[in-house]
N, C-alpha and C. Protein backbone atom coordinates (compact mmCIF):
# COMPACT_ATOMS: atom_id res chain seq x y z
N MET A 1 0.84 -1.15 0.00
CA MET A 1 0.00 0.00 0.00
C MET A 1 0.90 1.23 0.00
N VAL A 2 0.68 2.13 -0.91
CA VAL A 2 1.50 3.32 -1.03
C VAL A 2 0.89 4.47 -0.24
N GLY A 3 -0.38 4.55 -0.26
CA GLY A 3 -1.08 5.60 0.47
C GLY A 3 -2.38 5.03 1.00
N ARG A 4 -3.15 5.87 1.62
CA ARG A 4 -4.42 5.41 2.16
C ARG A 4 -5.34 4.95 1.04
N GLY A 5 -5.57 3.64 0.97
CA GLY A 5 -6.47 3.09 -0.02
C GLY A 5 -5.87 2.88 -1.40
N ILE A 6 -4.55 3.06 -1.55
CA ILE A 6 -3.90 2.91 -2.86
C ILE A 6 -2.74 1.94 -2.75
N SER A 7 -2.60 1.05 -3.73
CA SER A 7 -1.49 0.12 -3.76
C SER A 7 -0.90 0.09 -5.16
N LEU A 8 0.42 -0.02 -5.25
CA LEU A 8 1.10 -0.20 -6.52
C LEU A 8 1.63 -1.62 -6.58
N VAL A 9 1.34 -2.32 -7.68
CA VAL A 9 1.76 -3.71 -7.83
C VAL A 9 2.54 -3.84 -9.13
N PRO A 10 3.75 -4.45 -9.06
CA PRO A 10 4.52 -4.62 -10.29
C PRO A 10 3.86 -5.66 -11.20
N GLN A 11 3.85 -5.37 -12.48
CA GLN A 11 3.31 -6.28 -13.48
C GLN A 11 4.46 -6.72 -14.38
N HIS A 12 4.35 -7.90 -14.95
CA HIS A 12 5.46 -8.46 -15.72
C HIS A 12 4.90 -9.19 -16.94
N GLN A 13 5.44 -8.87 -18.11
CA GLN A 13 5.10 -9.60 -19.33
C GLN A 13 6.35 -9.64 -20.18
N GLY A 14 6.86 -10.85 -20.43
CA GLY A 14 8.13 -10.96 -21.14
C GLY A 14 9.20 -10.25 -20.34
N SER A 15 9.94 -9.37 -20.96
CA SER A 15 10.98 -8.63 -20.23
C SER A 15 10.48 -7.27 -19.76
N ALA A 16 9.24 -6.94 -20.06
CA ALA A 16 8.69 -5.64 -19.65
C ALA A 16 8.14 -5.70 -18.23
N LEU A 17 8.49 -4.72 -17.43
CA LEU A 17 7.99 -4.59 -16.07
C LEU A 17 7.41 -3.20 -15.89
N TRP A 18 6.27 -3.09 -15.20
CA TRP A 18 5.66 -1.80 -14.94
C TRP A 18 4.82 -1.90 -13.67
N TRP A 19 4.36 -0.76 -13.15
CA TRP A 19 3.55 -0.71 -11.93
C TRP A 19 2.12 -0.36 -12.29
N GLU A 20 1.15 -1.04 -11.66
CA GLU A 20 -0.26 -0.70 -11.82
C GLU A 20 -0.83 -0.31 -10.46
N GLN A 21 -1.73 0.66 -10.47
CA GLN A 21 -2.34 1.14 -9.24
C GLN A 21 -3.67 0.43 -9.00
N TYR A 22 -3.91 0.05 -7.74
CA TYR A 22 -5.14 -0.62 -7.35
C TYR A 22 -5.67 0.00 -6.07
N ASP A 23 -6.98 -0.11 -5.87
CA ASP A 23 -7.57 0.26 -4.59
C ASP A 23 -7.16 -0.82 -3.59
N ALA A 24 -6.91 -0.42 -2.34
CA ALA A 24 -6.45 -1.37 -1.34
C ALA A 24 -7.00 -1.03 0.03
N ALA A 25 -7.23 -2.06 0.82
CA ALA A 25 -7.65 -1.90 2.22
C ALA A 25 -6.54 -2.47 3.09
N PRO A 26 -6.24 -1.86 4.23
CA PRO A 26 -5.18 -2.36 5.09
C PRO A 26 -5.50 -3.74 5.67
N ARG A 27 -4.46 -4.57 5.83
CA ARG A 27 -4.58 -5.87 6.48
C ARG A 27 -3.19 -6.31 6.91
N GLN A 28 -3.13 -7.36 7.69
CA GLN A 28 -1.85 -7.87 8.17
C GLN A 28 -1.02 -8.36 6.99
N VAL A 29 0.21 -7.91 6.91
CA VAL A 29 1.09 -8.30 5.81
C VAL A 29 2.34 -8.96 6.35
N PRO A 30 2.97 -9.81 5.54
CA PRO A 30 4.19 -10.46 6.01
C PRO A 30 5.34 -9.47 6.11
N ASP A 31 6.26 -9.77 7.01
CA ASP A 31 7.47 -8.98 7.16
C ASP A 31 8.27 -9.04 5.87
N LEU A 32 8.84 -7.91 5.47
CA LEU A 32 9.59 -7.83 4.21
C LEU A 32 10.76 -8.82 4.20
N GLY A 33 11.55 -8.84 5.27
CA GLY A 33 12.69 -9.75 5.34
C GLY A 33 12.27 -11.21 5.33
N GLU A 34 11.21 -11.52 6.08
CA GLU A 34 10.72 -12.89 6.13
C GLU A 34 10.22 -13.34 4.76
N ALA A 35 9.45 -12.48 4.10
CA ALA A 35 8.93 -12.82 2.77
C ALA A 35 10.08 -13.04 1.78
N ASP A 36 11.14 -12.24 1.89
CA ASP A 36 12.30 -12.40 1.02
C ASP A 36 12.99 -13.73 1.29
N ARG A 37 13.20 -14.06 2.57
CA ARG A 37 13.85 -15.34 2.92
C ARG A 37 13.01 -16.53 2.45
N VAL A 38 11.70 -16.45 2.65
CA VAL A 38 10.82 -17.55 2.24
C VAL A 38 10.85 -17.72 0.73
N LEU A 39 10.81 -16.61 -0.01
CA LEU A 39 10.85 -16.70 -1.47
C LEU A 39 12.17 -17.30 -1.95
N ARG A 40 13.29 -16.86 -1.37
CA ARG A 40 14.59 -17.41 -1.76
C ARG A 40 14.67 -18.91 -1.46
N ALA A 41 14.21 -19.30 -0.27
CA ALA A 41 14.24 -20.71 0.11
C ALA A 41 13.33 -21.54 -0.79
N GLU A 42 12.15 -21.01 -1.07
CA GLU A 42 11.19 -21.76 -1.91
C GLU A 42 11.69 -21.86 -3.35
N THR A 43 12.36 -20.82 -3.84
CA THR A 43 12.92 -20.86 -5.20
C THR A 43 14.00 -21.94 -5.28
N LEU A 44 14.87 -21.99 -4.28
CA LEU A 44 15.93 -23.02 -4.25
C LEU A 44 15.32 -24.41 -4.13
N ALA A 45 14.34 -24.57 -3.25
CA ALA A 45 13.69 -25.87 -3.08
C ALA A 45 13.00 -26.32 -4.36
N ALA A 46 12.34 -25.38 -5.04
CA ALA A 46 11.66 -25.71 -6.29
C ALA A 46 12.66 -26.14 -7.35
N ALA A 47 13.77 -25.41 -7.46
CA ALA A 47 14.79 -25.77 -8.44
C ALA A 47 15.34 -27.16 -8.17
N GLU A 48 15.63 -27.45 -6.90
CA GLU A 48 16.16 -28.77 -6.55
C GLU A 48 15.15 -29.88 -6.80
N THR A 49 13.91 -29.66 -6.41
CA THR A 49 12.87 -30.69 -6.59
C THR A 49 12.60 -30.93 -8.07
N LEU A 50 12.47 -29.85 -8.84
CA LEU A 50 12.19 -30.02 -10.27
C LEU A 50 13.36 -30.68 -10.99
N ALA A 51 14.58 -30.37 -10.59
CA ALA A 51 15.75 -31.03 -11.20
C ALA A 51 15.75 -32.52 -10.84
N ARG A 52 15.43 -32.84 -9.61
CA ARG A 52 15.39 -34.24 -9.18
C ARG A 52 14.28 -35.00 -9.91
N LEU A 53 13.12 -34.36 -10.08
CA LEU A 53 12.02 -35.02 -10.79
C LEU A 53 12.33 -35.23 -12.27
N ASP A 54 13.13 -34.33 -12.84
CA ASP A 54 13.53 -34.42 -14.24
C ASP A 54 12.31 -34.58 -15.17
N VAL A 55 11.36 -33.65 -15.04
CA VAL A 55 10.13 -33.71 -15.83
C VAL A 55 10.00 -32.53 -16.78
N ALA A 56 11.11 -31.88 -17.06
CA ALA A 56 11.07 -30.75 -18.00
C ALA A 56 10.69 -31.25 -19.39
N GLN A 57 9.98 -30.42 -20.11
CA GLN A 57 9.57 -30.76 -21.47
C GLN A 57 9.82 -29.54 -22.34
N TRP A 58 10.51 -29.73 -23.45
CA TRP A 58 10.82 -28.63 -24.35
C TRP A 58 9.55 -28.13 -25.01
N GLN A 59 9.32 -26.83 -24.90
CA GLN A 59 8.17 -26.20 -25.54
C GLN A 59 8.68 -24.94 -26.25
N PRO A 60 8.87 -25.03 -27.55
CA PRO A 60 9.43 -23.90 -28.30
C PRO A 60 8.67 -22.59 -28.09
N ALA A 61 7.37 -22.67 -27.92
CA ALA A 61 6.57 -21.45 -27.74
C ALA A 61 6.93 -20.72 -26.45
N LEU A 62 7.46 -21.44 -25.47
CA LEU A 62 7.80 -20.82 -24.18
C LEU A 62 9.28 -20.50 -24.04
N ALA A 63 10.08 -20.98 -24.97
CA ALA A 63 11.54 -20.82 -24.85
C ALA A 63 11.95 -19.36 -24.70
N ASP A 64 11.41 -18.48 -25.53
CA ASP A 64 11.77 -17.06 -25.46
C ASP A 64 11.34 -16.44 -24.13
N GLU A 65 10.17 -16.83 -23.65
CA GLU A 65 9.70 -16.26 -22.39
C GLU A 65 10.60 -16.70 -21.22
N PHE A 66 11.00 -17.96 -21.21
CA PHE A 66 11.91 -18.42 -20.16
C PHE A 66 13.28 -17.75 -20.28
N LEU A 67 13.72 -17.50 -21.51
CA LEU A 67 14.98 -16.77 -21.69
C LEU A 67 14.87 -15.36 -21.15
N ASP A 68 13.75 -14.70 -21.40
CA ASP A 68 13.52 -13.35 -20.85
C ASP A 68 13.52 -13.38 -19.33
N LEU A 69 12.96 -14.43 -18.73
CA LEU A 69 12.94 -14.54 -17.28
C LEU A 69 14.34 -14.76 -16.71
N ALA A 70 15.20 -15.39 -17.50
CA ALA A 70 16.58 -15.61 -17.06
C ALA A 70 17.38 -14.31 -17.08
N ARG A 71 16.98 -13.38 -17.94
CA ARG A 71 17.65 -12.07 -18.04
C ARG A 71 16.61 -10.98 -17.84
N PRO A 72 16.12 -10.83 -16.60
CA PRO A 72 15.01 -9.89 -16.38
C PRO A 72 15.45 -8.43 -16.52
N ALA A 73 14.51 -7.63 -16.97
CA ALA A 73 14.73 -6.18 -17.01
C ALA A 73 14.77 -5.68 -15.57
N GLU A 74 15.53 -4.65 -15.33
CA GLU A 74 15.62 -4.11 -13.98
C GLU A 74 14.35 -3.35 -13.65
N LEU A 75 13.77 -3.68 -12.53
CA LEU A 75 12.56 -3.01 -12.06
C LEU A 75 12.96 -1.79 -11.25
N THR A 76 12.43 -0.64 -11.60
CA THR A 76 12.69 0.56 -10.81
C THR A 76 11.37 0.98 -10.18
N GLY A 77 11.43 1.27 -8.91
CA GLY A 77 10.22 1.64 -8.19
C GLY A 77 9.99 3.13 -8.19
N PRO A 78 8.78 3.53 -7.93
CA PRO A 78 8.48 4.96 -7.77
C PRO A 78 9.28 5.54 -6.61
N ALA A 79 9.45 6.83 -6.61
CA ALA A 79 10.20 7.51 -5.55
C ALA A 79 9.64 7.15 -4.18
N GLY A 80 10.54 6.89 -3.25
CA GLY A 80 10.14 6.61 -1.88
C GLY A 80 10.02 5.15 -1.54
N ILE A 81 10.04 4.27 -2.54
CA ILE A 81 9.95 2.83 -2.26
C ILE A 81 11.37 2.31 -2.03
N PRO A 82 11.62 1.65 -0.90
CA PRO A 82 12.96 1.15 -0.60
C PRO A 82 13.46 0.17 -1.66
N GLY A 83 14.76 0.20 -1.90
CA GLY A 83 15.36 -0.70 -2.89
C GLY A 83 15.12 -2.17 -2.57
N SER A 84 15.11 -2.52 -1.28
CA SER A 84 14.87 -3.92 -0.91
C SER A 84 13.47 -4.37 -1.31
N ALA A 85 12.50 -3.48 -1.21
CA ALA A 85 11.12 -3.81 -1.61
C ALA A 85 11.02 -3.94 -3.13
N VAL A 86 11.70 -3.06 -3.85
CA VAL A 86 11.68 -3.13 -5.31
C VAL A 86 12.36 -4.42 -5.78
N ALA A 87 13.49 -4.76 -5.17
CA ALA A 87 14.20 -5.99 -5.55
C ALA A 87 13.34 -7.22 -5.27
N LEU A 88 12.69 -7.25 -4.11
CA LEU A 88 11.81 -8.38 -3.79
C LEU A 88 10.65 -8.45 -4.76
N ALA A 89 10.08 -7.31 -5.11
CA ALA A 89 8.96 -7.29 -6.07
C ALA A 89 9.40 -7.88 -7.41
N GLY A 90 10.60 -7.54 -7.87
CA GLY A 90 11.10 -8.08 -9.13
C GLY A 90 11.29 -9.59 -9.07
N ARG A 91 11.91 -10.08 -7.98
CA ARG A 91 12.11 -11.53 -7.83
C ARG A 91 10.78 -12.25 -7.70
N ALA A 92 9.86 -11.66 -6.94
CA ALA A 92 8.56 -12.30 -6.74
C ALA A 92 7.76 -12.35 -8.05
N ALA A 93 7.79 -11.27 -8.82
CA ALA A 93 7.07 -11.26 -10.10
C ALA A 93 7.64 -12.31 -11.04
N ARG A 94 8.96 -12.44 -11.05
CA ARG A 94 9.62 -13.44 -11.90
C ARG A 94 9.25 -14.86 -11.45
N ALA A 95 9.30 -15.11 -10.13
CA ALA A 95 8.95 -16.44 -9.60
C ALA A 95 7.48 -16.76 -9.87
N LEU A 96 6.63 -15.76 -9.74
CA LEU A 96 5.21 -15.97 -10.01
C LEU A 96 4.98 -16.36 -11.46
N ARG A 97 5.68 -15.70 -12.37
CA ARG A 97 5.53 -16.03 -13.80
C ARG A 97 6.06 -17.43 -14.09
N ILE A 98 7.17 -17.81 -13.47
CA ILE A 98 7.71 -19.16 -13.66
C ILE A 98 6.68 -20.19 -13.18
N ALA A 99 6.10 -19.95 -12.01
CA ALA A 99 5.09 -20.87 -11.49
C ALA A 99 3.87 -20.94 -12.41
N GLU A 100 3.43 -19.78 -12.90
CA GLU A 100 2.27 -19.76 -13.81
C GLU A 100 2.55 -20.55 -15.08
N LEU A 101 3.73 -20.37 -15.65
CA LEU A 101 4.09 -21.11 -16.86
C LEU A 101 4.17 -22.60 -16.58
N GLY A 102 4.75 -22.96 -15.45
CA GLY A 102 4.88 -24.37 -15.09
C GLY A 102 3.56 -25.03 -14.78
N LEU A 103 2.63 -24.28 -14.20
CA LEU A 103 1.34 -24.85 -13.84
C LEU A 103 0.37 -24.95 -15.01
N ALA A 104 0.76 -24.41 -16.17
CA ALA A 104 -0.12 -24.44 -17.34
C ALA A 104 -0.34 -25.87 -17.85
N ASP A 105 0.61 -26.77 -17.58
CA ASP A 105 0.45 -28.17 -17.98
C ASP A 105 1.27 -29.04 -17.03
N ASP A 106 1.37 -30.32 -17.34
CA ASP A 106 2.11 -31.24 -16.47
C ASP A 106 3.52 -31.51 -16.96
N GLY A 107 3.99 -30.73 -17.92
CA GLY A 107 5.36 -30.91 -18.40
C GLY A 107 5.59 -32.31 -18.92
N GLY A 108 6.73 -32.87 -18.58
CA GLY A 108 7.06 -34.23 -19.03
C GLY A 108 6.81 -35.28 -17.98
N ALA A 109 5.96 -34.97 -16.98
CA ALA A 109 5.67 -35.93 -15.93
C ALA A 109 5.03 -37.17 -16.52
N ALA A 110 5.55 -38.34 -16.11
CA ALA A 110 5.09 -39.61 -16.69
C ALA A 110 3.96 -40.24 -15.90
N GLY A 111 3.84 -39.94 -14.65
CA GLY A 111 2.81 -40.57 -13.83
C GLY A 111 2.21 -39.62 -12.83
N LEU A 112 1.22 -40.10 -12.12
CA LEU A 112 0.50 -39.28 -11.15
C LEU A 112 1.41 -38.78 -10.04
N THR A 113 2.34 -39.60 -9.58
CA THR A 113 3.24 -39.19 -8.51
C THR A 113 4.11 -38.02 -8.95
N GLN A 114 4.68 -38.11 -10.16
CA GLN A 114 5.50 -37.01 -10.68
C GLN A 114 4.67 -35.77 -10.92
N MET A 115 3.48 -35.93 -11.48
CA MET A 115 2.61 -34.79 -11.74
C MET A 115 2.26 -34.08 -10.43
N SER A 116 1.92 -34.85 -9.42
CA SER A 116 1.53 -34.29 -8.14
C SER A 116 2.70 -33.57 -7.46
N ALA A 117 3.87 -34.19 -7.48
CA ALA A 117 5.06 -33.57 -6.86
C ALA A 117 5.43 -32.28 -7.59
N ARG A 118 5.36 -32.30 -8.91
CA ARG A 118 5.67 -31.12 -9.72
C ARG A 118 4.68 -29.99 -9.41
N ARG A 119 3.42 -30.32 -9.40
CA ARG A 119 2.37 -29.32 -9.14
C ARG A 119 2.51 -28.75 -7.72
N ASP A 120 2.72 -29.61 -6.72
CA ASP A 120 2.88 -29.15 -5.34
C ASP A 120 4.06 -28.19 -5.22
N THR A 121 5.15 -28.50 -5.90
CA THR A 121 6.35 -27.67 -5.88
C THR A 121 6.06 -26.29 -6.48
N LEU A 122 5.38 -26.29 -7.61
CA LEU A 122 5.09 -25.02 -8.29
C LEU A 122 4.05 -24.19 -7.53
N VAL A 123 3.10 -24.85 -6.91
CA VAL A 123 2.10 -24.14 -6.11
C VAL A 123 2.77 -23.48 -4.90
N ALA A 124 3.72 -24.18 -4.27
CA ALA A 124 4.45 -23.60 -3.13
C ALA A 124 5.27 -22.39 -3.59
N LEU A 125 5.88 -22.48 -4.76
CA LEU A 125 6.64 -21.35 -5.31
C LEU A 125 5.69 -20.18 -5.60
N GLU A 126 4.55 -20.48 -6.17
CA GLU A 126 3.56 -19.44 -6.47
C GLU A 126 3.09 -18.74 -5.19
N ARG A 127 2.84 -19.51 -4.15
CA ARG A 127 2.39 -18.95 -2.87
C ARG A 127 3.46 -18.03 -2.28
N ALA A 128 4.72 -18.48 -2.30
CA ALA A 128 5.82 -17.66 -1.77
C ALA A 128 5.98 -16.38 -2.60
N ALA A 129 5.81 -16.49 -3.91
CA ALA A 129 5.92 -15.32 -4.78
C ALA A 129 4.81 -14.31 -4.49
N ARG A 130 3.60 -14.79 -4.31
CA ARG A 130 2.48 -13.88 -3.99
C ARG A 130 2.70 -13.21 -2.64
N ARG A 131 3.20 -13.96 -1.68
CA ARG A 131 3.48 -13.40 -0.36
C ARG A 131 4.59 -12.34 -0.46
N GLY A 132 5.59 -12.62 -1.30
CA GLY A 132 6.66 -11.66 -1.52
C GLY A 132 6.15 -10.38 -2.15
N LEU A 133 5.24 -10.50 -3.11
CA LEU A 133 4.66 -9.31 -3.74
C LEU A 133 3.86 -8.49 -2.74
N VAL A 134 3.10 -9.18 -1.89
CA VAL A 134 2.31 -8.47 -0.88
C VAL A 134 3.24 -7.68 0.03
N ALA A 135 4.31 -8.32 0.51
CA ALA A 135 5.24 -7.63 1.41
C ALA A 135 5.94 -6.48 0.69
N ALA A 136 6.38 -6.72 -0.54
CA ALA A 136 7.11 -5.69 -1.28
C ALA A 136 6.25 -4.47 -1.58
N CYS A 137 4.96 -4.68 -1.71
CA CYS A 137 4.06 -3.58 -2.09
C CYS A 137 3.31 -2.99 -0.90
N SER A 138 3.73 -3.36 0.32
CA SER A 138 3.04 -2.88 1.53
C SER A 138 3.95 -1.96 2.32
N ALA A 139 3.65 -0.69 2.28
CA ALA A 139 4.49 0.31 2.95
C ALA A 139 4.57 0.09 4.45
N ASP A 140 3.60 -0.59 5.05
CA ASP A 140 3.61 -0.82 6.49
C ASP A 140 4.79 -1.66 6.96
N VAL A 141 5.40 -2.44 6.07
CA VAL A 141 6.51 -3.31 6.47
C VAL A 141 7.85 -2.85 5.91
N TRP A 142 7.87 -1.73 5.22
CA TRP A 142 9.14 -1.23 4.69
C TRP A 142 10.01 -0.73 5.83
N PRO A 143 11.32 -0.83 5.66
CA PRO A 143 12.20 -0.26 6.69
C PRO A 143 12.04 1.25 6.73
N PRO A 144 12.29 1.88 7.90
CA PRO A 144 12.17 3.33 8.00
C PRO A 144 13.11 4.04 7.03
N ALA A 145 12.66 5.15 6.48
CA ALA A 145 13.46 5.90 5.50
C ALA A 145 14.61 6.61 6.18
């Protein structure tokens, strides 16, 4: 939340990043540092689990988008937003897009066990990314200026 009743949320499409304004009501939000640690841990866990499952499937239509995610554009926040919040918002938006792309199908999973493990991993990443975005976009948890 940037002001009373206003929130700015980073949006991501390909390598383009921008901020959109939304109406917002105050509520309990996660600590910025905690959300960052959880997102980093969940990203590492997801990478390890997905590598162990070895269920990747080549999809030419998504190759460029994943390449863009590997080389993200730098997100710059509006004046007054701490750099740590902007950095978390960028990582969270990227992780959220990775989870969305991964959840679009079952990849190369051969059986129900692999499909379920893959989906659970991506859902956990998506949840951590959403929590990171909430913390990054909530002025109540930003460090003092």
